[in-house]
Amino acid sequence: MALHCLVFRGLVKEVEEEVNKYLTSHVVSILHMAQSETGDHISVTLIVDEPDSLLPEAGL
C-alpha cells in the first residue's frame, strides 16, 4: 500500500482539469477527498492509495 496526499489549488476549471488528468493517468483508490473555497479559487485535497504492484521496487 502506498498512500499519497495530493493538493490541487487554483481556479475551479484549472483544478478540475488537473484532477481529471491525474485520475486518468494513475491507478488509485481515493480514500478521502476534501474541498475548500476562497473567493474564486478552490483547493482539493485527495488521499489516495496506489497499488503496491505499480511501485518501482516491485520490478516495474
Protein backbone atom coordinates (compact mmCIF):
# COMPACT_ATOMS: atom_id res chain seq x y z
CA MET A 1 0.00 0.00 0.00
CA ALA A 2 1.34 3.42 -0.95
CA LEU A 3 -0.62 6.33 0.47
CA HIS A 4 -0.24 9.75 -1.10
CA CYS A 5 -1.74 13.12 -0.23
CA LEU A 6 -2.26 15.43 -3.21
CA VAL A 7 -3.38 19.06 -3.12
CA PHE A 8 -4.67 20.88 -6.20
CA ARG A 9 -5.17 24.66 -5.96
CA GLY A 10 -6.37 27.26 -8.42
CA LEU A 11 -9.37 28.42 -10.37
CA VAL A 12 -12.21 25.92 -10.50
CA LYS A 13 -11.71 24.95 -14.16
CA GLU A 14 -7.94 24.57 -13.73
CA VAL A 15 -8.32 22.33 -10.67
CA GLU A 16 -10.97 20.24 -12.39
CA GLU A 17 -8.65 19.67 -15.36
CA GLU A 18 -5.66 18.80 -13.13
CA VAL A 19 -7.65 16.33 -11.01
CA ASN A 20 -9.09 14.66 -14.12
CA LYS A 21 -5.63 14.50 -15.72
CA TYR A 22 -4.18 12.85 -12.60
CA LEU A 23 -7.02 10.34 -12.22
CA THR A 24 -6.88 9.26 -15.86
CA SER A 25 -3.12 8.69 -15.73
CA HIS A 26 -2.88 6.84 -12.39
CA VAL A 27 -4.47 3.69 -10.98
CA VAL A 28 -5.51 4.70 -7.46
CA SER A 29 -8.26 4.26 -4.90
CA ILE A 30 -9.47 7.53 -3.40
CA LEU A 31 -9.63 7.15 0.38
CA HIS A 32 -10.61 10.71 1.23
CA MET A 33 -11.40 13.94 -0.60
CA ALA A 34 -11.83 17.45 0.80
CA GLN A 35 -12.57 20.77 -0.87
CA SER A 36 -12.30 24.33 0.37
CA GLU A 37 -13.09 27.60 -1.35
CA THR A 38 -11.67 31.11 -1.04
CA GLY A 39 -13.10 33.69 -3.39
CA ASP A 40 -12.89 32.28 -6.91
CA HIS A 41 -10.16 29.73 -6.03
CA ILE A 42 -10.57 26.23 -4.65
CA SER A 43 -8.33 23.65 -3.05
CA VAL A 44 -9.00 19.95 -3.50
CA THR A 45 -7.13 17.50 -1.29
CA LEU A 46 -7.05 13.81 -2.18
CA ILE A 47 -5.68 10.98 -0.07
CA VAL A 48 -5.12 8.07 -2.41
CA ASP A 49 -3.89 4.50 -2.20
CA GLU A 50 -1.73 3.30 -5.08
CA PRO A 51 -1.44 -0.49 -5.51
CA ASP A 52 1.94 -1.95 -4.47
CA SER A 53 2.30 -3.75 -7.77
CA LEU A 54 2.81 -0.40 -9.54
CA LEU A 55 5.67 0.76 -7.32
CA PRO A 56 9.20 0.84 -8.82
CA GLU A 57 10.56 -1.55 -6.17
CA ALA A 58 8.01 -4.14 -7.35
CA GLY A 59 10.04 -4.54 -10.53
CA LEU A 60 8.11 -2.26 -12.91
